[in-house]
């Protein structure tokens, strides 16, 4: 995943998690505070019913700061905010709804 997430990649990640329920998995990107938090946020929203606002607060708790949000990866920030809509409407998530 880059700073402009793709529904297909997030759907693959969520499918991987669903197919490995009960197993310990490690999720990490190069620094662990932007793409990692976005993937976990997508899981929280899709699987646990979290709101985008709640997921965003958790992202911030684990290092996704204002600098990330506005300067480093604004694409991740806007994707996180719009993820519930993507999840409901994108064909990539059809089998996960």
PDB file of N, CA and C in Angstrom:
ATOM      1  N   UNK A   1       0.846  -1.169   0.000  1.00  0.00           N
ATOM      2  CA  UNK A   1       0.000   0.000   0.000  1.00  0.00           C
ATOM      3  C   UNK A   1       0.891   1.230   0.000  1.00  0.00           C
ATOM      4  N   UNK A   2       0.519   2.211  -0.774  1.00  0.00           N
ATOM      5  CA  UNK A   2       1.263   3.462  -0.775  1.00  0.00           C
ATOM      6  C   UNK A   2       0.416   4.523  -0.090  1.00  0.00           C
ATOM      7  N   UNK A   3       0.757   5.787  -0.292  1.00  0.00           N
ATOM      8  CA  UNK A   3      -0.004   6.840   0.377  1.00  0.00           C
ATOM      9  C   UNK A   3      -1.358   7.073  -0.286  1.00  0.00           C
ATOM     10  N   UNK A   4      -1.641   6.362  -1.369  1.00  0.00           N
ATOM     11  CA  UNK A   4      -2.947   6.422  -2.017  1.00  0.00           C
ATOM     12  C   UNK A   4      -3.503   5.004  -2.050  1.00  0.00           C
ATOM     13  N   UNK A   5      -4.170   4.600  -0.986  1.00  0.00           N
ATOM     14  CA  UNK A   5      -4.640   3.215  -0.855  1.00  0.00           C
ATOM     15  C   UNK A   5      -5.568   2.789  -1.977  1.00  0.00           C
ATOM     16  N   UNK A   6      -5.547   1.510  -2.240  1.00  0.00           N
ATOM     17  CA  UNK A   6      -6.422   0.918  -3.250  1.00  0.00           C
ATOM     18  C   UNK A   6      -7.331  -0.085  -2.547  1.00  0.00           C
ATOM     19  N   UNK A   7      -8.611  -0.036  -2.904  1.00  0.00           N
ATOM     20  CA  UNK A   7      -9.578  -0.933  -2.287  1.00  0.00           C
ATOM     21  C   UNK A   7      -9.161  -2.392  -2.434  1.00  0.00           C
ATOM     22  N   UNK A   8      -8.633  -2.749  -3.574  1.00  0.00           N
ATOM     23  CA  UNK A   8      -8.239  -4.135  -3.825  1.00  0.00           C
ATOM     24  C   UNK A   8      -7.197  -4.613  -2.809  1.00  0.00           C
ATOM     25  N   UNK A   9      -6.221  -3.773  -2.502  1.00  0.00           N
ATOM     26  CA  UNK A   9      -5.164  -4.142  -1.556  1.00  0.00           C
ATOM     27  C   UNK A   9      -5.742  -4.278  -0.142  1.00  0.00           C
ATOM     28  N   UNK A  10      -6.598  -3.352   0.246  1.00  0.00           N
ATOM     29  CA  UNK A  10      -7.203  -3.413   1.579  1.00  0.00           C
ATOM     30  C   UNK A  10      -8.100  -4.646   1.668  1.00  0.00           C
ATOM     31  N   UNK A  11      -8.839  -4.949   0.607  1.00  0.00           N
ATOM     32  CA  UNK A  11      -9.692  -6.148   0.600  1.00  0.00           C
ATOM     33  C   UNK A  11      -8.849  -7.413   0.738  1.00  0.00           C
ATOM     34  N   UNK A  12      -7.702  -7.463   0.085  1.00  0.00           N
ATOM     35  CA  UNK A  12      -6.808  -8.627   0.223  1.00  0.00           C
ATOM     36  C   UNK A  12      -6.333  -8.767   1.667  1.00  0.00           C
ATOM     37  N   UNK A  13      -5.996  -7.647   2.285  1.00  0.00           N
ATOM     38  CA  UNK A  13      -5.561  -7.659   3.684  1.00  0.00           C
ATOM     39  C   UNK A  13      -6.680  -8.171   4.594  1.00  0.00           C
ATOM     40  N   UNK A  14      -7.898  -7.654   4.423  1.00  0.00           N
ATOM     41  CA  UNK A  14      -9.017  -8.074   5.258  1.00  0.00           C
ATOM     42  C   UNK A  14      -9.340  -9.553   5.039  1.00  0.00           C
ATOM     43  N   UNK A  15      -9.223 -10.013   3.809  1.00  0.00           N
ATOM     44  CA  UNK A  15      -9.451 -11.431   3.513  1.00  0.00           C
ATOM     45  C   UNK A  15      -8.401 -12.285   4.206  1.00  0.00           C
ATOM     46  N   UNK A  16      -7.157 -11.859   4.171  1.00  0.00           N
ATOM     47  CA  UNK A  16      -6.079 -12.576   4.856  1.00  0.00           C
ATOM     48  C   UNK A  16      -6.390 -12.709   6.348  1.00  0.00           C
ATOM     49  N   UNK A  17      -6.852 -11.620   6.959  1.00  0.00           N
ATOM     50  CA  UNK A  17      -7.184 -11.672   8.383  1.00  0.00           C
ATOM     51  C   UNK A  17      -8.360 -12.609   8.641  1.00  0.00           C
ATOM     52  N   UNK A  18      -9.384 -12.527   7.811  1.00  0.00           N
ATOM     53  CA  UNK A  18     -10.543 -13.416   7.990  1.00  0.00           C
ATOM     54  C   UNK A  18     -10.160 -14.882   7.835  1.00  0.00           C
ATOM     55  N   UNK A  19      -9.279 -15.152   6.906  1.00  0.00           N
ATOM     56  CA  UNK A  19      -8.868 -16.537   6.653  1.00  0.00           C
ATOM     57  C   UNK A  19      -7.919 -17.075   7.720  1.00  0.00           C
ATOM     58  N   UNK A  20      -7.493 -16.217   8.619  1.00  0.00           N
ATOM     59  CA  UNK A  20      -6.558 -16.630   9.669  1.00  0.00           C
ATOM     60  C   UNK A  20      -7.054 -16.245  11.056  1.00  0.00           C
ATOM     61  N   UNK A  21      -8.361 -16.293  11.244  1.00  0.00           N
ATOM     62  CA  UNK A  21      -8.944 -15.968  12.557  1.00  0.00           C
ATOM     63  C   UNK A  21      -8.306 -16.844  13.632  1.00  0.00           C
ATOM     64  N   UNK A  22      -8.029 -16.215  14.760  1.00  0.00           N
ATOM     65  CA  UNK A  22      -7.473 -16.952  15.881  1.00  0.00           C
ATOM     66  C   UNK A  22      -5.969 -17.158  15.812  1.00  0.00           C
ATOM     67  N   UNK A  23      -5.361 -16.743  14.722  1.00  0.00           N
ATOM     68  CA  UNK A  23      -3.909 -16.873  14.593  1.00  0.00           C
ATOM     69  C   UNK A  23      -3.255 -15.531  14.885  1.00  0.00           C
ATOM     70  N   UNK A  24      -2.037 -15.576  15.347  1.00  0.00           N
ATOM     71  CA  UNK A  24      -1.278 -14.355  15.586  1.00  0.00           C
ATOM     72  C   UNK A  24      -0.649 -13.920  14.270  1.00  0.00           C
ATOM     73  N   UNK A  25      -0.877 -12.672  13.919  1.00  0.00           N
ATOM     74  CA  UNK A  25      -0.307 -12.103  12.698  1.00  0.00           C
ATOM     75  C   UNK A  25       0.419 -10.818  13.039  1.00  0.00           C
ATOM     76  N   UNK A  26       1.471 -10.549  12.334  1.00  0.00           N
ATOM     77  CA  UNK A  26       2.211  -9.309  12.506  1.00  0.00           C
ATOM     78  C   UNK A  26       1.898  -8.398  11.323  1.00  0.00           C
ATOM     79  N   UNK A  27       1.569  -7.160  11.628  1.00  0.00           N
ATOM     80  CA  UNK A  27       1.263  -6.175  10.594  1.00  0.00           C
ATOM     81  C   UNK A  27       2.234  -5.024  10.776  1.00  0.00           C
ATOM     82  N   UNK A  28       3.008  -4.751   9.750  1.00  0.00           N
ATOM     83  CA  UNK A  28       3.999  -3.687   9.889  1.00  0.00           C
ATOM     84  C   UNK A  28       4.382  -3.139   8.528  1.00  0.00           C
ATOM     85  N   UNK A  29       4.638  -1.861   8.488  1.00  0.00           N
ATOM     86  CA  UNK A  29       5.213  -1.238   7.295  1.00  0.00           C
ATOM     87  C   UNK A  29       6.606  -0.742   7.695  1.00  0.00           C
ATOM     88  N   UNK A  30       7.224   0.011   6.849  1.00  0.00           N
ATOM     89  CA  UNK A  30       8.595   0.434   7.107  1.00  0.00           C
ATOM     90  C   UNK A  30       8.752   1.124   8.464  1.00  0.00           C
ATOM     91  N   UNK A  31       7.871   2.055   8.773  1.00  0.00           N
ATOM     92  CA  UNK A  31       7.972   2.779  10.041  1.00  0.00           C
ATOM     93  C   UNK A  31       6.927   2.349  11.057  1.00  0.00           C
ATOM     94  N   UNK A  32       5.825   1.804  10.599  1.00  0.00           N
ATOM     95  CA  UNK A  32       4.810   1.300  11.506  1.00  0.00           C
ATOM     96  C   UNK A  32       3.808   2.311  12.020  1.00  0.00           C
ATOM     97  N   UNK A  33       3.807   3.519  11.454  1.00  0.00           N
ATOM     98  CA  UNK A  33       2.879   4.508  11.980  1.00  0.00           C
ATOM     99  C   UNK A  33       1.948   5.121  10.938  1.00  0.00           C
ATOM    100  N   UNK A  34       2.023   4.696   9.713  1.00  0.00           N
ATOM    101  CA  UNK A  34       1.101   5.247   8.730  1.00  0.00           C
ATOM    102  C   UNK A  34       0.328   4.135   8.022  1.00  0.00           C
ATOM    103  N   UNK A  35       0.963   3.389   7.151  1.00  0.00           N
ATOM    104  CA  UNK A  35       0.248   2.317   6.443  1.00  0.00           C
ATOM    105  C   UNK A  35      -0.226   1.229   7.398  1.00  0.00           C
ATOM    106  N   UNK A  36       0.573   0.926   8.405  1.00  0.00           N
ATOM    107  CA  UNK A  36       0.161  -0.077   9.395  1.00  0.00           C
ATOM    108  C   UNK A  36      -1.113   0.370  10.097  1.00  0.00           C
ATOM    109  N   UNK A  37      -1.134   1.610  10.571  1.00  0.00           N
ATOM    110  CA  UNK A  37      -2.321   2.082  11.282  1.00  0.00           C
ATOM    111  C   UNK A  37      -3.529   2.144  10.358  1.00  0.00           C
ATOM    112  N   UNK A  38      -3.319   2.439   9.062  1.00  0.00           N
ATOM    113  CA  UNK A  38      -4.436   2.473   8.121  1.00  0.00           C
ATOM    114  C   UNK A  38      -5.031   1.083   7.931  1.00  0.00           C
ATOM    115  N   UNK A  39      -4.187   0.085   7.816  1.00  0.00           N
ATOM    116  CA  UNK A  39      -4.689  -1.276   7.624  1.00  0.00           C
ATOM    117  C   UNK A  39      -5.455  -1.743   8.861  1.00  0.00           C
ATOM    118  N   UNK A  40      -4.936  -1.443  10.035  1.00  0.00           N
ATOM    119  CA  UNK A  40      -5.632  -1.828  11.256  1.00  0.00           C
ATOM    120  C   UNK A  40      -6.933  -1.042  11.385  1.00  0.00           C
ATOM    121  N   UNK A  41      -6.919   0.220  11.002  1.00  0.00           N
ATOM    122  CA  UNK A  41      -8.152   1.016  11.026  1.00  0.00           C
ATOM    123  C   UNK A  41      -9.201   0.409  10.094  1.00  0.00           C
ATOM    124  N   UNK A  42      -8.779  -0.052   8.926  1.00  0.00           N
ATOM    125  CA  UNK A  42      -9.744  -0.667   7.999  1.00  0.00           C
ATOM    126  C   UNK A  42     -10.340  -1.925   8.625  1.00  0.00           C
ATOM    127  N   UNK A  43      -9.517  -2.698   9.319  1.00  0.00           N
ATOM    128  CA  UNK A  43     -10.013  -3.888  10.016  1.00  0.00           C
ATOM    129  C   UNK A  43     -11.020  -3.495  11.090  1.00  0.00           C
ATOM    130  N   UNK A  44     -10.676  -2.506  11.882  1.00  0.00           N
ATOM    131  CA  UNK A  44     -11.579  -2.064  12.955  1.00  0.00           C
ATOM    132  C   UNK A  44     -12.941  -1.657  12.396  1.00  0.00           C
ATOM    133  N   UNK A  45     -12.927  -0.924  11.285  1.00  0.00           N
ATOM    134  CA  UNK A  45     -14.185  -0.452  10.715  1.00  0.00           C
ATOM    135  C   UNK A  45     -14.964  -1.584  10.047  1.00  0.00           C
ATOM    136  N   UNK A  46     -14.282  -2.409   9.273  1.00  0.00           N
ATOM    137  CA  UNK A  46     -14.959  -3.469   8.519  1.00  0.00           C
ATOM    138  C   UNK A  46     -15.404  -4.626   9.395  1.00  0.00           C
ATOM    139  N   UNK A  47     -14.572  -5.039  10.321  1.00  0.00           N
ATOM    140  CA  UNK A  47     -14.847  -6.244  11.103  1.00  0.00           C
ATOM    141  C   UNK A  47     -15.430  -5.977  12.483  1.00  0.00           C
ATOM    142  N   UNK A  48     -15.086  -4.837  13.057  1.00  0.00           N
ATOM    143  CA  UNK A  48     -15.528  -4.564  14.422  1.00  0.00           C
ATOM    144  C   UNK A  48     -16.556  -3.444  14.502  1.00  0.00           C
ATOM    145  N   UNK A  49     -16.916  -2.872  13.350  1.00  0.00           N
ATOM    146  CA  UNK A  49     -17.958  -1.855  13.308  1.00  0.00           C
ATOM    147  C   UNK A  49     -17.575  -0.498  13.859  1.00  0.00           C
ATOM    148  N   UNK A  50     -16.281  -0.232  13.960  1.00  0.00           N
ATOM    149  CA  UNK A  50     -15.842   1.070  14.462  1.00  0.00           C
ATOM    150  C   UNK A  50     -16.203   2.163  13.479  1.00  0.00           C
ATOM    151  N   UNK A  51     -16.419   3.361  13.996  1.00  0.00           N
ATOM    152  CA  UNK A  51     -16.608   4.537  13.148  1.00  0.00           C
ATOM    153  C   UNK A  51     -15.240   5.000  12.657  1.00  0.00           C
ATOM    154  N   UNK A  52     -15.248   5.805  11.599  1.00  0.00           N
ATOM    155  CA  UNK A  52     -13.990   6.366  11.094  1.00  0.00           C
ATOM    156  C   UNK A  52     -13.339   7.236  12.174  1.00  0.00           C
ATOM    157  N   UNK A  53     -14.145   7.948  12.934  1.00  0.00           N
ATOM    158  CA  UNK A  53     -13.602   8.825  13.981  1.00  0.00           C
ATOM    159  C   UNK A  53     -12.885   8.013  15.063  1.00  0.00           C
ATOM    160  N   UNK A  54     -13.493   6.912  15.463  1.00  0.00           N
ATOM    161  CA  UNK A  54     -12.866   6.082  16.489  1.00  0.00           C
ATOM    162  C   UNK A  54     -11.567   5.461  15.971  1.00  0.00           C
ATOM    163  N   UNK A  55     -11.598   4.995  14.727  1.00  0.00           N
ATOM    164  CA  UNK A  55     -10.397   4.411  14.129  1.00  0.00           C
ATOM    165  C   UNK A  55      -9.293   5.463  13.997  1.00  0.00           C
ATOM    166  N   UNK A  56      -9.677   6.675  13.655  1.00  0.00           N
ATOM    167  CA  UNK A  56      -8.704   7.759  13.523  1.00  0.00           C
ATOM    168  C   UNK A  56      -8.028   8.044  14.862  1.00  0.00           C
ATOM    169  N   UNK A  57      -8.796   8.030  15.937  1.00  0.00           N
ATOM    170  CA  UNK A  57      -8.206   8.265  17.263  1.00  0.00           C
ATOM    171  C   UNK A  57      -7.183   7.182  17.604  1.00  0.00           C
ATOM    172  N   UNK A  58      -7.482   5.940  17.229  1.00  0.00           N
ATOM    173  CA  UNK A  58      -6.510   4.878  17.486  1.00  0.00           C
ATOM    174  C   UNK A  58      -5.272   5.062  16.612  1.00  0.00           C
ATOM    175  N   UNK A  59      -5.458   5.476  15.362  1.00  0.00           N
ATOM    176  CA  UNK A  59      -4.309   5.743  14.497  1.00  0.00           C
ATOM    177  C   UNK A  59      -3.402   6.785  15.145  1.00  0.00           C
ATOM    178  N   UNK A  60      -4.003   7.836  15.667  1.00  0.00           N
ATOM    179  CA  UNK A  60      -3.227   8.898  16.309  1.00  0.00           C
ATOM    180  C   UNK A  60      -2.492   8.381  17.543  1.00  0.00           C
ATOM    181  N   UNK A  61      -3.154   7.520  18.295  1.00  0.00           N
ATOM    182  CA  UNK A  61      -2.537   6.944  19.497  1.00  0.00           C
ATOM    183  C   UNK A  61      -1.253   6.196  19.158  1.00  0.00           C
ATOM    184  N   UNK A  62      -1.207   5.592  17.965  1.00  0.00           N
ATOM    185  CA  UNK A  62      -0.043   4.802  17.569  1.00  0.00           C
ATOM    186  C   UNK A  62       0.876   5.530  16.595  1.00  0.00           C
ATOM    187  N   UNK A  63       0.780   6.866  16.547  1.00  0.00           N
ATOM    188  CA  UNK A  63       1.778   7.642  15.832  1.00  0.00           C
ATOM    189  C   UNK A  63       1.354   8.347  14.570  1.00  0.00           C
ATOM    190  N   UNK A  64       0.111   8.180  14.116  1.00  0.00           N
ATOM    191  CA  UNK A  64      -0.336   8.868  12.900  1.00  0.00           C
ATOM    192  C   UNK A  64      -0.706  10.297  13.287  1.00  0.00           C
ATOM    193  N   UNK A  65       0.267  11.193  13.165  1.00  0.00           N
ATOM    194  CA  UNK A  65       0.141  12.552  13.678  1.00  0.00           C
ATOM    195  C   UNK A  65      -0.392  13.529  12.625  1.00  0.00           C
ATOM    196  N   UNK A  66      -0.518  14.773  13.052  1.00  0.00           N
ATOM    197  CA  UNK A  66      -0.932  15.845  12.148  1.00  0.00           C
ATOM    198  C   UNK A  66       0.018  15.925  10.955  1.00  0.00           C
ATOM    199  N   UNK A  67       1.296  15.745  11.197  1.00  0.00           N
ATOM    200  CA  UNK A  67       2.289  15.798  10.112  1.00  0.00           C
ATOM    201  C   UNK A  67       1.993  14.711   9.082  1.00  0.00           C
ATOM    202  N   UNK A  68       1.679  13.499   9.556  1.00  0.00           N
ATOM    203  CA  UNK A  68       1.308  12.424   8.630  1.00  0.00           C
ATOM    204  C   UNK A  68       0.039  12.807   7.867  1.00  0.00           C
ATOM    205  N   UNK A  69      -0.937  13.266   8.620  1.00  0.00           N
ATOM    206  CA  UNK A  69      -2.256  13.549   8.067  1.00  0.00           C
ATOM    207  C   UNK A  69      -2.213  14.608   6.977  1.00  0.00           C
ATOM    208  N   UNK A  70      -1.451  15.640   7.175  1.00  0.00           N
ATOM    209  CA  UNK A  70      -1.470  16.763   6.235  1.00  0.00           C
ATOM    210  C   UNK A  70      -0.261  16.844   5.302  1.00  0.00           C
ATOM    211  N   UNK A  71       0.886  16.292   5.696  1.00  0.00           N
ATOM    212  CA  UNK A  71       2.093  16.472   4.890  1.00  0.00           C
ATOM    213  C   UNK A  71       2.640  15.180   4.290  1.00  0.00           C
ATOM    214  N   UNK A  72       2.767  14.142   5.097  1.00  0.00           N
ATOM    215  CA  UNK A  72       3.437  12.929   4.639  1.00  0.00           C
ATOM    216  C   UNK A  72       2.509  12.040   3.830  1.00  0.00           C
ATOM    217  N   UNK A  73       1.332  11.761   4.344  1.00  0.00           N
ATOM    218  CA  UNK A  73       0.413  10.850   3.635  1.00  0.00           C
ATOM    219  C   UNK A  73      -1.035  11.306   3.737  1.00  0.00           C
ATOM    220  N   UNK A  74      -1.351  12.442   3.130  1.00  0.00           N
ATOM    221  CA  UNK A  74      -2.741  12.907   3.175  1.00  0.00           C
ATOM    222  C   UNK A  74      -3.699  11.936   2.486  1.00  0.00           C
ATOM    223  N   UNK A  75      -3.192  11.143   1.551  1.00  0.00           N
ATOM    224  CA  UNK A  75      -4.045  10.158   0.889  1.00  0.00           C
ATOM    225  C   UNK A  75      -4.554   9.111   1.854  1.00  0.00           C
ATOM    226  N   UNK A  76      -3.722   8.708   2.807  1.00  0.00           N
ATOM    227  CA  UNK A  76      -4.153   7.743   3.821  1.00  0.00           C
ATOM    228  C   UNK A  76      -5.233   8.340   4.704  1.00  0.00           C
ATOM    229  N   UNK A  77      -5.058   9.583   5.071  1.00  0.00           N
ATOM    230  CA  UNK A  77      -6.014  10.242   5.945  1.00  0.00           C
ATOM    231  C   UNK A  77      -7.385  10.331   5.288  1.00  0.00           C
ATOM    232  N   UNK A  78      -7.425  10.764   4.043  1.00  0.00           N
ATOM    233  CA  UNK A  78      -8.723  10.884   3.380  1.00  0.00           C
ATOM    234  C   UNK A  78      -9.329   9.510   3.115  1.00  0.00           C
ATOM    235  N   UNK A  79      -8.503   8.514   2.827  1.00  0.00           N
ATOM    236  CA  UNK A  79      -9.020   7.157   2.620  1.00  0.00           C
ATOM    237  C   UNK A  79      -9.644   6.631   3.907  1.00  0.00           C
ATOM    238  N   UNK A  80      -8.982   6.859   5.023  1.00  0.00           N
ATOM    239  CA  UNK A  80      -9.511   6.398   6.311  1.00  0.00           C
ATOM    240  C   UNK A  80     -10.867   7.044   6.572  1.00  0.00           C
ATOM    241  N   UNK A  81     -10.982   8.321   6.315  1.00  0.00           N
ATOM    242  CA  UNK A  81     -12.243   9.026   6.544  1.00  0.00           C
ATOM    243  C   UNK A  81     -13.357   8.486   5.652  1.00  0.00           C
ATOM    244  N   UNK A  82     -13.013   8.108   4.418  1.00  0.00           N
ATOM    245  CA  UNK A  82     -14.004   7.627   3.454  1.00  0.00           C
ATOM    246  C   UNK A  82     -14.154   6.109   3.425  1.00  0.00           C
ATOM    247  N   UNK A  83     -13.367   5.398   4.252  1.00  0.00           N
ATOM    248  CA  UNK A  83     -13.384   3.944   4.181  1.00  0.00           C
ATOM    249  C   UNK A  83     -14.770   3.329   4.362  1.00  0.00           C
ATOM    250  N   UNK A  84     -15.588   3.777   5.321  1.00  0.00           N
ATOM    251  CA  UNK A  84     -16.913   3.155   5.449  1.00  0.00           C
ATOM    252  C   UNK A  84     -17.705   3.183   4.136  1.00  0.00           C
ATOM    253  N   UNK A  85     -17.605   4.283   3.399  1.00  0.00           N
ATOM    254  CA  UNK A  85     -18.287   4.370   2.096  1.00  0.00           C
ATOM    255  C   UNK A  85     -17.671   3.391   1.097  1.00  0.00           C
ATOM    256  N   UNK A  86     -16.348   3.356   1.047  1.00  0.00           N
ATOM    257  CA  UNK A  86     -15.670   2.409   0.152  1.00  0.00           C
ATOM    258  C   UNK A  86     -16.111   0.983   0.462  1.00  0.00           C
ATOM    259  N   UNK A  87     -16.138   0.646   1.751  1.00  0.00           N
ATOM    260  CA  UNK A  87     -16.472  -0.714   2.152  1.00  0.00           C
ATOM    261  C   UNK A  87     -17.898  -1.088   1.730  1.00  0.00           C
ATOM    262  N   UNK A  88     -18.809  -0.142   1.806  1.00  0.00           N
ATOM    263  CA  UNK A  88     -20.204  -0.406   1.440  1.00  0.00           C
ATOM    264  C   UNK A  88     -20.437  -0.458  -0.065  1.00  0.00           C
ATOM    265  N   UNK A  89     -19.605   0.243  -0.835  1.00  0.00           N
ATOM    266  CA  UNK A  89     -19.921   0.406  -2.255  1.00  0.00           C
ATOM    267  C   UNK A  89     -18.925  -0.198  -3.239  1.00  0.00           C
ATOM    268  N   UNK A  90     -17.690  -0.357  -2.850  1.00  0.00           N
ATOM    269  CA  UNK A  90     -16.679  -0.829  -3.800  1.00  0.00           C
ATOM    270  C   UNK A  90     -16.842  -2.318  -4.093  1.00  0.00           C
ATOM    271  N   UNK A  91     -16.785  -2.687  -5.373  1.00  0.00           N
ATOM    272  CA  UNK A  91     -16.842  -4.110  -5.728  1.00  0.00           C
ATOM    273  C   UNK A  91     -15.711  -4.929  -5.089  1.00  0.00           C
ATOM    274  N   UNK A  92     -14.611  -4.296  -4.763  1.00  0.00           N
ATOM    275  CA  UNK A  92     -13.474  -5.002  -4.153  1.00  0.00           C
ATOM    276  C   UNK A  92     -13.871  -5.648  -2.819  1.00  0.00           C
ATOM    277  N   UNK A  93     -14.866  -5.063  -2.130  1.00  0.00           N
ATOM    278  CA  UNK A  93     -15.261  -5.563  -0.826  1.00  0.00           C
ATOM    279  C   UNK A  93     -16.523  -6.427  -0.856  1.00  0.00           C
ATOM    280  N   UNK A  94     -17.004  -6.729  -2.041  1.00  0.00           N
ATOM    281  CA  UNK A  94     -18.260  -7.473  -2.188  1.00  0.00           C
ATOM    282  C   UNK A  94     -18.297  -8.728  -1.322  1.00  0.00           C
ATOM    283  N   UNK A  95     -17.261  -9.522  -1.363  1.00  0.00           N
ATOM    284  CA  UNK A  95     -17.238 -10.792  -0.617  1.00  0.00           C
ATOM    285  C   UNK A  95     -16.988 -10.606   0.880  1.00  0.00           C
ATOM    286  N   UNK A  96     -16.689  -9.395   1.293  1.00  0.00           N
ATOM    287  CA  UNK A  96     -16.394  -9.131   2.707  1.00  0.00           C
ATOM    288  C   UNK A  96     -17.565  -8.474   3.437  1.00  0.00           C
ATOM    289  N   UNK A  97     -18.572  -8.036   2.685  1.00  0.00           N
ATOM    290  CA  UNK A  97     -19.713  -7.373   3.328  1.00  0.00           C
ATOM    291  C   UNK A  97     -20.668  -8.391   3.904  1.00  0.00           C
TER     292      UNK A  97
END
